[in-house]
Amino acid sequence: MTENLPVVYISALLAILVFAAIYILREVIKTRKQESTFSRLQKKLKQEKGTAEEYYELGSLYLEKKLFVQSITLLNKALKVDKELEAENQALIHNAMGYAYFAQEQYDIAIRQYKDALKLYPEYVIALNNLGNVYEKKQMIIKAVETYKEVLKIDPENKIAQRRINSLEKRLVSSKSE
């Protein structure tokens, strides 16, 4: 048995290395694809006016890079370029802008963006969850709980809303008992 131990260790190490190599390769390919799209869209939009989809895609890439101001500028352009944009697509853009403002701790503007998204698409669960999160950050616990309960009306299986409600209600109970 002890004679096979080095073979087992080397096999396990090799398996770990193969897994790590595959993971790294996938990440490199994904990053290269994103950078290629980023570069292509930047060049195109510098030379000519783009579509709402192109501005949204580039704005989303800026969001991933945590370049929030640039992202907001592009997302605003996406809304202005196509006045006939479907309500659901407009809601996606408002949600992305809400996220950008939230990341900059501009919570009131983020709330407005999430509410704009929900006016356009009331069943937009992600925007509702994001709105609940902003209310939490602003210590508006009751509003946050109400918002997460709205999420559960639309999507009863939503794990985020369930978890946040449980956590917030415990906080409310403990603050009332003090």
N, C-alpha and C. Protein backbone atom coordinates (compact mmCIF):
# COMPACT_ATOMS: atom_id res chain seq x y z
N MET A 1 0.82 -1.20 0.00
CA MET A 1 0.00 0.00 0.00
C MET A 1 0.86 1.26 0.00
N THR A 2 1.88 1.31 0.85
CA THR A 2 2.74 2.48 0.91
C THR A 2 3.54 2.66 -0.36
N GLU A 3 3.70 1.59 -1.14
CA GLU A 3 4.44 1.70 -2.41
C GLU A 3 3.64 2.52 -3.43
N ASN A 4 2.32 2.46 -3.35
CA ASN A 4 1.46 3.17 -4.30
C ASN A 4 1.18 4.61 -3.88
N LEU A 5 1.54 4.98 -2.68
CA LEU A 5 1.26 6.31 -2.15
C LEU A 5 1.85 7.42 -3.03
N PRO A 6 3.10 7.36 -3.47
CA PRO A 6 3.62 8.42 -4.34
C PRO A 6 2.84 8.53 -5.65
N VAL A 7 2.41 7.41 -6.19
CA VAL A 7 1.63 7.43 -7.44
C VAL A 7 0.28 8.11 -7.21
N VAL A 8 -0.34 7.83 -6.07
CA VAL A 8 -1.62 8.46 -5.74
C VAL A 8 -1.44 9.97 -5.58
N TYR A 9 -0.41 10.38 -4.85
CA TYR A 9 -0.15 11.81 -4.66
C TYR A 9 0.13 12.51 -5.99
N ILE A 10 0.95 11.90 -6.81
CA ILE A 10 1.29 12.51 -8.11
C ILE A 10 0.05 12.57 -8.99
N SER A 11 -0.77 11.55 -8.96
CA SER A 11 -2.01 11.54 -9.75
C SER A 11 -2.95 12.64 -9.28
N ALA A 12 -3.08 12.79 -7.97
CA ALA A 12 -3.94 13.84 -7.42
C ALA A 12 -3.41 15.21 -7.79
N LEU A 13 -2.11 15.40 -7.68
CA LEU A 13 -1.49 16.67 -8.05
C LEU A 13 -1.70 16.96 -9.53
N LEU A 14 -1.53 15.97 -10.36
CA LEU A 14 -1.73 16.13 -11.80
C LEU A 14 -3.17 16.50 -12.11
N ALA A 15 -4.11 15.86 -11.43
CA ALA A 15 -5.53 16.17 -11.64
C ALA A 15 -5.82 17.63 -11.25
N ILE A 16 -5.25 18.07 -10.14
CA ILE A 16 -5.45 19.46 -9.69
C ILE A 16 -4.85 20.43 -10.71
N LEU A 17 -3.66 20.12 -11.19
CA LEU A 17 -3.01 20.98 -12.18
C LEU A 17 -3.80 21.05 -13.49
N VAL A 18 -4.33 19.92 -13.94
CA VAL A 18 -5.13 19.90 -15.16
C VAL A 18 -6.39 20.75 -14.97
N PHE A 19 -7.06 20.58 -13.83
CA PHE A 19 -8.25 21.38 -13.54
C PHE A 19 -7.91 22.87 -13.53
N ALA A 20 -6.82 23.23 -12.86
CA ALA A 20 -6.40 24.64 -12.79
C ALA A 20 -6.07 25.17 -14.18
N ALA A 21 -5.39 24.39 -14.98
CA ALA A 21 -5.03 24.82 -16.34
C ALA A 21 -6.27 25.06 -17.19
N ILE A 22 -7.24 24.17 -17.09
CA ILE A 22 -8.49 24.33 -17.85
C ILE A 22 -9.22 25.58 -17.40
N TYR A 23 -9.31 25.79 -16.08
CA TYR A 23 -9.97 26.97 -15.54
C TYR A 23 -9.29 28.25 -16.01
N ILE A 24 -7.98 28.29 -15.94
CA ILE A 24 -7.23 29.48 -16.35
C ILE A 24 -7.40 29.72 -17.84
N LEU A 25 -7.35 28.68 -18.63
CA LEU A 25 -7.53 28.81 -20.07
C LEU A 25 -8.90 29.38 -20.40
N ARG A 26 -9.94 28.88 -19.74
CA ARG A 26 -11.29 29.41 -19.96
C ARG A 26 -11.37 30.89 -19.61
N GLU A 27 -10.76 31.27 -18.49
CA GLU A 27 -10.77 32.68 -18.07
C GLU A 27 -10.02 33.56 -19.07
N VAL A 28 -8.90 33.08 -19.57
CA VAL A 28 -8.12 33.85 -20.56
C VAL A 28 -8.93 34.04 -21.83
N ILE A 29 -9.58 32.98 -22.29
CA ILE A 29 -10.39 33.07 -23.51
C ILE A 29 -11.55 34.04 -23.30
N LYS A 30 -12.21 33.95 -22.15
CA LYS A 30 -13.32 34.85 -21.84
C LYS A 30 -12.85 36.31 -21.80
N THR A 31 -11.72 36.55 -21.16
CA THR A 31 -11.18 37.91 -21.04
C THR A 31 -10.78 38.46 -22.41
N ARG A 32 -10.14 37.63 -23.21
CA ARG A 32 -9.75 38.07 -24.56
C ARG A 32 -10.96 38.42 -25.40
N LYS A 33 -12.00 37.62 -25.28
CA LYS A 33 -13.24 37.89 -26.02
C LYS A 33 -13.84 39.22 -25.58
N GLN A 34 -13.89 39.45 -24.25
CA GLN A 34 -14.42 40.71 -23.73
C GLN A 34 -13.58 41.89 -24.20
N GLU A 35 -12.27 41.75 -24.13
CA GLU A 35 -11.39 42.85 -24.55
C GLU A 35 -11.52 43.13 -26.05
N SER A 36 -11.71 42.09 -26.83
CA SER A 36 -11.90 42.25 -28.27
C SER A 36 -13.20 43.01 -28.54
N THR A 37 -14.26 42.62 -27.87
CA THR A 37 -15.55 43.30 -28.01
C THR A 37 -15.43 44.74 -27.54
N PHE A 38 -14.77 44.94 -26.42
CA PHE A 38 -14.56 46.28 -25.86
C PHE A 38 -13.85 47.17 -26.87
N SER A 39 -12.76 46.68 -27.43
CA SER A 39 -11.97 47.44 -28.39
C SER A 39 -12.76 47.75 -29.65
N ARG A 40 -13.46 46.74 -30.16
CA ARG A 40 -14.25 46.91 -31.38
C ARG A 40 -15.34 47.96 -31.19
N LEU A 41 -16.05 47.87 -30.07
CA LEU A 41 -17.13 48.82 -29.81
C LEU A 41 -16.60 50.23 -29.58
N GLN A 42 -15.50 50.35 -28.87
CA GLN A 42 -14.92 51.67 -28.64
C GLN A 42 -14.57 52.35 -29.97
N LYS A 43 -13.88 51.61 -30.83
CA LYS A 43 -13.50 52.16 -32.14
C LYS A 43 -14.72 52.55 -32.95
N LYS A 44 -15.70 51.68 -32.99
CA LYS A 44 -16.90 51.94 -33.80
C LYS A 44 -17.64 53.17 -33.30
N LEU A 45 -17.83 53.26 -31.98
CA LEU A 45 -18.62 54.35 -31.42
C LEU A 45 -17.87 55.68 -31.43
N LYS A 46 -16.55 55.65 -31.58
CA LYS A 46 -15.80 56.90 -31.75
C LYS A 46 -15.98 57.44 -33.16
N GLN A 47 -16.13 56.53 -34.11
CA GLN A 47 -16.21 56.93 -35.52
C GLN A 47 -17.63 57.26 -35.97
N GLU A 48 -18.60 56.58 -35.41
CA GLU A 48 -19.98 56.77 -35.86
C GLU A 48 -20.95 56.55 -34.72
N LYS A 49 -22.17 56.99 -34.98
CA LYS A 49 -23.23 56.80 -33.99
C LYS A 49 -23.61 55.33 -33.96
N GLY A 50 -23.80 54.80 -32.77
CA GLY A 50 -24.13 53.39 -32.63
C GLY A 50 -25.58 53.15 -32.29
N THR A 51 -25.92 51.89 -32.12
CA THR A 51 -27.27 51.52 -31.71
C THR A 51 -27.35 51.49 -30.19
N ALA A 52 -28.57 51.46 -29.70
CA ALA A 52 -28.78 51.37 -28.25
C ALA A 52 -28.12 50.11 -27.70
N GLU A 53 -28.21 49.02 -28.45
CA GLU A 53 -27.61 47.75 -28.01
C GLU A 53 -26.09 47.88 -27.88
N GLU A 54 -25.46 48.57 -28.82
CA GLU A 54 -24.00 48.73 -28.77
C GLU A 54 -23.58 49.60 -27.59
N TYR A 55 -24.31 50.70 -27.37
CA TYR A 55 -23.99 51.55 -26.22
C TYR A 55 -24.21 50.79 -24.91
N TYR A 56 -25.28 49.99 -24.85
CA TYR A 56 -25.54 49.20 -23.65
C TYR A 56 -24.44 48.16 -23.43
N GLU A 57 -24.03 47.50 -24.49
CA GLU A 57 -22.99 46.47 -24.36
C GLU A 57 -21.68 47.08 -23.89
N LEU A 58 -21.29 48.20 -24.49
CA LEU A 58 -20.04 48.85 -24.06
C LEU A 58 -20.18 49.40 -22.64
N GLY A 59 -21.33 49.96 -22.32
CA GLY A 59 -21.57 50.44 -20.95
C GLY A 59 -21.47 49.31 -19.93
N SER A 60 -21.98 48.14 -20.30
CA SER A 60 -21.91 46.98 -19.41
C SER A 60 -20.46 46.52 -19.22
N LEU A 61 -19.67 46.60 -20.29
CA LEU A 61 -18.26 46.24 -20.18
C LEU A 61 -17.52 47.23 -19.26
N TYR A 62 -17.88 48.51 -19.37
CA TYR A 62 -17.29 49.50 -18.46
C TYR A 62 -17.71 49.20 -17.01
N LEU A 63 -18.96 48.75 -16.82
CA LEU A 63 -19.41 48.38 -15.47
C LEU A 63 -18.55 47.26 -14.90
N GLU A 64 -18.27 46.25 -15.73
CA GLU A 64 -17.45 45.13 -15.28
C GLU A 64 -16.05 45.59 -14.90
N LYS A 65 -15.56 46.62 -15.57
CA LYS A 65 -14.23 47.16 -15.28
C LYS A 65 -14.27 48.16 -14.13
N LYS A 66 -15.47 48.37 -13.58
CA LYS A 66 -15.69 49.31 -12.48
C LYS A 66 -15.38 50.75 -12.87
N LEU A 67 -15.62 51.08 -14.13
CA LEU A 67 -15.49 52.45 -14.63
C LEU A 67 -16.91 53.02 -14.74
N PHE A 68 -17.44 53.42 -13.58
CA PHE A 68 -18.86 53.71 -13.47
C PHE A 68 -19.29 54.99 -14.19
N VAL A 69 -18.49 56.03 -14.13
CA VAL A 69 -18.86 57.29 -14.76
C VAL A 69 -18.98 57.11 -16.28
N GLN A 70 -17.99 56.44 -16.88
CA GLN A 70 -18.04 56.18 -18.31
C GLN A 70 -19.23 55.29 -18.66
N SER A 71 -19.50 54.34 -17.81
CA SER A 71 -20.62 53.43 -18.03
C SER A 71 -21.94 54.20 -18.05
N ILE A 72 -22.13 55.07 -17.09
CA ILE A 72 -23.37 55.85 -17.01
C ILE A 72 -23.55 56.69 -18.26
N THR A 73 -22.47 57.30 -18.74
CA THR A 73 -22.53 58.12 -19.95
C THR A 73 -23.02 57.29 -21.13
N LEU A 74 -22.45 56.11 -21.29
CA LEU A 74 -22.84 55.24 -22.41
C LEU A 74 -24.26 54.71 -22.24
N LEU A 75 -24.65 54.38 -21.05
CA LEU A 75 -26.01 53.88 -20.82
C LEU A 75 -27.04 54.97 -21.10
N ASN A 76 -26.72 56.20 -20.74
CA ASN A 76 -27.61 57.33 -21.07
C ASN A 76 -27.73 57.49 -22.58
N LYS A 77 -26.62 57.34 -23.28
CA LYS A 77 -26.66 57.41 -24.75
C LYS A 77 -27.54 56.31 -25.32
N ALA A 78 -27.48 55.13 -24.73
CA ALA A 78 -28.31 54.01 -25.19
C ALA A 78 -29.79 54.37 -25.10
N LEU A 79 -30.18 55.06 -24.03
CA LEU A 79 -31.58 55.47 -23.88
C LEU A 79 -31.97 56.56 -24.88
N LYS A 80 -31.03 57.46 -25.18
CA LYS A 80 -31.33 58.58 -26.06
C LYS A 80 -31.30 58.21 -27.54
N VAL A 81 -30.47 57.26 -27.91
CA VAL A 81 -30.29 56.89 -29.31
C VAL A 81 -31.56 56.31 -29.92
N ASP A 82 -32.23 55.46 -29.17
CA ASP A 82 -33.39 54.76 -29.71
C ASP A 82 -34.60 55.06 -28.83
N LYS A 83 -35.41 56.01 -29.26
CA LYS A 83 -36.61 56.39 -28.49
C LYS A 83 -37.69 55.30 -28.56
N GLU A 84 -37.57 54.41 -29.53
CA GLU A 84 -38.56 53.34 -29.72
C GLU A 84 -38.14 52.04 -29.03
N LEU A 85 -37.14 52.11 -28.19
CA LEU A 85 -36.63 50.93 -27.49
C LEU A 85 -37.74 50.30 -26.65
N GLU A 86 -37.83 48.97 -26.68
CA GLU A 86 -38.85 48.27 -25.90
C GLU A 86 -38.69 48.59 -24.41
N ALA A 87 -39.81 48.59 -23.72
CA ALA A 87 -39.80 48.93 -22.29
C ALA A 87 -38.88 47.99 -21.49
N GLU A 88 -38.89 46.72 -21.84
CA GLU A 88 -38.06 45.76 -21.12
C GLU A 88 -36.57 46.09 -21.29
N ASN A 89 -36.18 46.49 -22.48
CA ASN A 89 -34.78 46.86 -22.73
C ASN A 89 -34.42 48.16 -22.03
N GLN A 90 -35.35 49.11 -22.00
CA GLN A 90 -35.11 50.35 -21.26
C GLN A 90 -34.92 50.04 -19.77
N ALA A 91 -35.71 49.09 -19.28
CA ALA A 91 -35.60 48.70 -17.86
C ALA A 91 -34.22 48.12 -17.56
N LEU A 92 -33.69 47.31 -18.50
CA LEU A 92 -32.33 46.77 -18.32
C LEU A 92 -31.31 47.89 -18.19
N ILE A 93 -31.46 48.90 -19.01
CA ILE A 93 -30.51 50.02 -19.00
C ILE A 93 -30.62 50.79 -17.69
N HIS A 94 -31.85 51.06 -17.26
CA HIS A 94 -32.04 51.78 -15.98
C HIS A 94 -31.47 50.96 -14.82
N ASN A 95 -31.66 49.65 -14.85
CA ASN A 95 -31.11 48.80 -13.80
C ASN A 95 -29.58 48.88 -13.79
N ALA A 96 -28.97 48.84 -14.96
CA ALA A 96 -27.50 48.94 -15.03
C ALA A 96 -27.03 50.29 -14.50
N MET A 97 -27.75 51.36 -14.85
CA MET A 97 -27.36 52.68 -14.33
C MET A 97 -27.55 52.73 -12.82
N GLY A 98 -28.61 52.10 -12.32
CA GLY A 98 -28.81 52.03 -10.88
C GLY A 98 -27.64 51.35 -10.19
N TYR A 99 -27.17 50.27 -10.81
CA TYR A 99 -26.01 49.56 -10.25
C TYR A 99 -24.77 50.46 -10.23
N ALA A 100 -24.56 51.20 -11.30
CA ALA A 100 -23.40 52.09 -11.39
C ALA A 100 -23.47 53.18 -10.30
N TYR A 101 -24.66 53.75 -10.11
CA TYR A 101 -24.80 54.77 -9.07
C TYR A 101 -24.66 54.14 -7.67
N PHE A 102 -25.21 52.96 -7.50
CA PHE A 102 -25.08 52.26 -6.22
C PHE A 102 -23.61 52.01 -5.89
N ALA A 103 -22.85 51.59 -6.87
CA ALA A 103 -21.42 51.29 -6.66
C ALA A 103 -20.65 52.56 -6.28
N GLN A 104 -21.17 53.72 -6.67
CA GLN A 104 -20.53 54.99 -6.31
C GLN A 104 -21.13 55.58 -5.04
N GLU A 105 -21.99 54.80 -4.39
CA GLU A 105 -22.66 55.21 -3.15
C GLU A 105 -23.57 56.42 -3.34
N GLN A 106 -24.11 56.56 -4.53
CA GLN A 106 -25.10 57.59 -4.82
C GLN A 106 -26.48 56.91 -4.75
N TYR A 107 -26.86 56.60 -3.53
CA TYR A 107 -28.00 55.72 -3.31
C TYR A 107 -29.34 56.31 -3.77
N ASP A 108 -29.55 57.61 -3.59
CA ASP A 108 -30.83 58.20 -3.99
C ASP A 108 -31.01 58.14 -5.51
N ILE A 109 -29.94 58.38 -6.24
CA ILE A 109 -30.02 58.29 -7.70
C ILE A 109 -30.21 56.83 -8.12
N ALA A 110 -29.56 55.92 -7.43
CA ALA A 110 -29.72 54.49 -7.72
C ALA A 110 -31.18 54.08 -7.51
N ILE A 111 -31.78 54.53 -6.42
CA ILE A 111 -33.19 54.23 -6.15
C ILE A 111 -34.07 54.72 -7.30
N ARG A 112 -33.81 55.94 -7.74
CA ARG A 112 -34.61 56.50 -8.85
C ARG A 112 -34.47 55.65 -10.11
N GLN A 113 -33.24 55.21 -10.40
CA GLN A 113 -33.02 54.38 -11.59
C GLN A 113 -33.74 53.04 -11.47
N TYR A 114 -33.65 52.41 -10.31
CA TYR A 114 -34.34 51.13 -10.12
C TYR A 114 -35.86 51.30 -10.22
N LYS A 115 -36.37 52.40 -9.68
CA LYS A 115 -37.81 52.66 -9.77
C LYS A 115 -38.23 52.92 -11.21
N ASP A 116 -37.37 53.62 -11.98
CA ASP A 116 -37.65 53.83 -13.40
C ASP A 116 -37.71 52.49 -14.13
N ALA A 117 -36.78 51.61 -13.80
CA ALA A 117 -36.77 50.27 -14.41
C ALA A 117 -38.07 49.53 -14.09
N LEU A 118 -38.52 49.66 -12.85
CA LEU A 118 -39.73 48.94 -12.42
C LEU A 118 -41.01 49.55 -13.00
N LYS A 119 -41.00 50.85 -13.29
CA LYS A 119 -42.15 51.46 -13.98
C LYS A 119 -42.30 50.87 -15.37
N LEU A 120 -41.18 50.63 -16.01
CA LEU A 120 -41.19 50.09 -17.37
C LEU A 120 -41.46 48.59 -17.40
N TYR A 121 -41.00 47.88 -16.37
CA TYR A 121 -41.11 46.42 -16.33
C TYR A 121 -41.32 46.01 -14.87
N PRO A 122 -42.58 46.06 -14.40
CA PRO A 122 -42.88 45.84 -12.97
C PRO A 122 -42.45 44.48 -12.41
N GLU A 123 -42.32 43.46 -13.26
CA GLU A 123 -41.96 42.13 -12.77
C GLU A 123 -40.45 41.90 -12.83
N TYR A 124 -39.66 42.94 -12.92
CA TYR A 124 -38.22 42.84 -13.06
C TYR A 124 -37.60 42.52 -11.70
N VAL A 125 -37.42 41.23 -11.43
CA VAL A 125 -36.98 40.75 -10.12
C VAL A 125 -35.60 41.27 -9.75
N ILE A 126 -34.70 41.33 -10.69
CA ILE A 126 -33.33 41.79 -10.39
C ILE A 126 -33.36 43.25 -9.92
N ALA A 127 -34.14 44.08 -10.61
CA ALA A 127 -34.25 45.48 -10.20
C ALA A 127 -34.88 45.60 -8.81
N LEU A 128 -35.88 44.75 -8.53
CA LEU A 128 -36.49 44.77 -7.20
C LEU A 128 -35.48 44.36 -6.12
N ASN A 129 -34.73 43.30 -6.39
CA ASN A 129 -33.69 42.89 -5.43
C ASN A 129 -32.67 44.00 -5.22
N ASN A 130 -32.27 44.64 -6.31
CA ASN A 130 -31.31 45.74 -6.21
C ASN A 130 -31.89 46.90 -5.41
N LEU A 131 -33.16 47.19 -5.62
CA LEU A 131 -33.82 48.26 -4.87
C LEU A 131 -33.84 47.92 -3.38
N GLY A 132 -34.16 46.69 -3.05
CA GLY A 132 -34.13 46.25 -1.65
C GLY A 132 -32.74 46.41 -1.05
N ASN A 133 -31.73 46.10 -1.83
CA ASN A 133 -30.35 46.23 -1.37
C ASN A 133 -29.99 47.69 -1.07
N VAL A 134 -30.44 48.60 -1.92
CA VAL A 134 -30.17 50.02 -1.68
C VAL A 134 -30.88 50.47 -0.41
N TYR A 135 -32.12 50.05 -0.24
CA TYR A 135 -32.84 50.41 0.99
C TYR A 135 -32.09 49.90 2.23
N GLU A 136 -31.53 48.71 2.13
CA GLU A 136 -30.72 48.19 3.24
C GLU A 136 -29.55 49.10 3.53
N LYS A 137 -28.83 49.48 2.47
CA LYS A 137 -27.65 50.35 2.64
C LYS A 137 -28.02 51.67 3.28
N LYS A 138 -29.22 52.16 2.96
CA LYS A 138 -29.68 53.44 3.53
C LYS A 138 -30.34 53.24 4.89
N GLN A 139 -30.29 52.01 5.41
CA GLN A 139 -30.89 51.68 6.72
C GLN A 139 -32.41 51.87 6.72
N MET A 140 -33.03 51.71 5.57
CA MET A 140 -34.49 51.79 5.45
C MET A 140 -35.00 50.34 5.47
N ILE A 141 -34.90 49.73 6.64
CA ILE A 141 -35.11 48.29 6.78
C ILE A 141 -36.54 47.88 6.43
N ILE A 142 -37.52 48.63 6.88
CA ILE A 142 -38.91 48.26 6.60
C ILE A 142 -39.19 48.30 5.11
N LYS A 143 -38.70 49.35 4.43
CA LYS A 143 -38.87 49.44 2.98
C LYS A 143 -38.13 48.29 2.28
N ALA A 144 -36.98 47.92 2.78
CA ALA A 144 -36.22 46.82 2.19
C ALA A 144 -37.01 45.52 2.31
N VAL A 145 -37.56 45.26 3.48
CA VAL A 145 -38.35 44.04 3.68
C VAL A 145 -39.56 44.04 2.75
N GLU A 146 -40.26 45.17 2.66
CA GLU A 146 -41.43 45.27 1.77
C GLU A 146 -41.02 44.98 0.32
N THR A 147 -39.88 45.51 -0.08
CA THR A 147 -39.40 45.31 -1.45
C THR A 147 -39.07 43.84 -1.70
N TYR A 148 -38.38 43.21 -0.76
CA TYR A 148 -38.06 41.79 -0.92
C TYR A 148 -39.32 40.94 -0.92
N LYS A 149 -40.35 41.34 -0.18
CA LYS A 149 -41.62 40.61 -0.21
C LYS A 149 -42.29 40.75 -1.58
N GLU A 150 -42.11 41.90 -2.21
CA GLU A 150 -42.61 42.07 -3.59
C GLU A 150 -41.91 41.09 -4.53
N VAL A 151 -40.61 40.90 -4.31
CA VAL A 151 -39.86 39.95 -5.12
C VAL A 151 -40.47 38.56 -4.98
N LEU A 152 -40.78 38.18 -3.74
CA LEU A 152 -41.33 36.84 -3.49
C LEU A 152 -42.73 36.66 -4.07
N LYS A 153 -43.48 37.75 -4.24
CA LYS A 153 -44.79 37.65 -4.90
C LYS A 153 -44.61 37.26 -6.36
N ILE A 154 -43.56 37.79 -6.97
CA ILE A 154 -43.28 37.51 -8.39
C ILE A 154 -42.55 36.18 -8.54
N ASP A 155 -41.57 35.96 -7.66
CA ASP A 155 -40.72 34.76 -7.74
C ASP A 155 -40.61 34.15 -6.34
N PRO A 156 -41.56 33.29 -5.97
CA PRO A 156 -41.59 32.73 -4.62
C PRO A 156 -40.34 31.93 -4.24
N GLU A 157 -39.58 31.47 -5.21
CA GLU A 157 -38.39 30.66 -4.94
C GLU A 157 -37.11 31.50 -4.87
N ASN A 158 -37.22 32.81 -4.93
CA ASN A 158 -36.04 33.67 -4.98
C ASN A 158 -35.25 33.58 -3.67
N LYS A 159 -34.08 32.98 -3.76
CA LYS A 159 -33.24 32.72 -2.58
C LYS A 159 -32.71 34.01 -1.96
N ILE A 160 -32.35 34.97 -2.81
CA ILE A 160 -31.79 36.23 -2.29
C ILE A 160 -32.83 36.93 -1.43
N ALA A 161 -34.03 37.08 -1.95
CA ALA A 161 -35.09 37.77 -1.20
C ALA A 161 -35.42 37.02 0.09
N GLN A 162 -35.52 35.69 0.01
CA GLN A 162 -35.81 34.90 1.21
C GLN A 162 -34.75 35.11 2.28
N ARG A 163 -33.48 35.04 1.87
CA ARG A 163 -32.37 35.19 2.80
C ARG A 163 -32.34 36.60 3.41
N ARG A 164 -32.56 37.61 2.58
CA ARG A 164 -32.51 38.99 3.08
C ARG A 164 -33.67 39.29 4.03
N ILE A 165 -34.86 38.78 3.69
CA ILE A 165 -36.01 38.99 4.58
C ILE A 165 -35.74 38.37 5.95
N ASN A 166 -35.26 37.14 5.96
CA ASN A 166 -34.95 36.47 7.24
C ASN A 166 -33.96 37.28 8.04
N SER A 167 -32.91 37.72 7.41
CA SER A 167 -31.87 38.49 8.10
C SER A 167 -32.42 39.82 8.63
N LEU A 168 -33.16 40.53 7.78
CA LEU A 168 -33.68 41.84 8.18
C LEU A 168 -34.74 41.73 9.26
N GLU A 169 -35.59 40.72 9.17
CA GLU A 169 -36.62 40.56 10.19
C GLU A 169 -36.00 40.22 11.54
N LYS A 170 -34.92 39.44 11.54
CA LYS A 170 -34.21 39.17 12.80
C LYS A 170 -33.66 40.47 13.37
N ARG A 171 -33.14 41.32 12.49
CA ARG A 171 -32.60 42.60 12.94
C ARG A 171 -33.71 43.49 13.51
N LEU A 172 -34.89 43.48 12.86
CA LEU A 172 -36.01 44.26 13.35
C LEU A 172 -36.48 43.77 14.71
N VAL A 173 -36.56 42.44 14.87
CA VAL A 173 -37.00 41.85 16.14
C VAL A 173 -36.03 42.18 17.25
N SER A 174 -34.72 42.05 16.97
CA SER A 174 -33.74 42.33 18.01
C SER A 174 -33.69 43.81 18.36
N SER A 175 -33.95 44.69 17.42
CA SER A 175 -33.93 46.12 17.73
C SER A 175 -35.16 46.52 18.52
N LYS A 176 -36.29 45.82 18.31
CA LYS A 176 -37.52 46.12 19.07
C LYS A 176 -37.40 45.62 20.51
N SER A 177 -36.67 44.51 20.71
CA SER A 177 -36.56 43.94 22.05
C SER A 177 -35.54 44.68 22.92
N GLU A 178 -34.73 45.51 22.31
CA GLU A 178 -33.71 46.24 23.09
C GLU A 178 -34.26 47.43 23.80
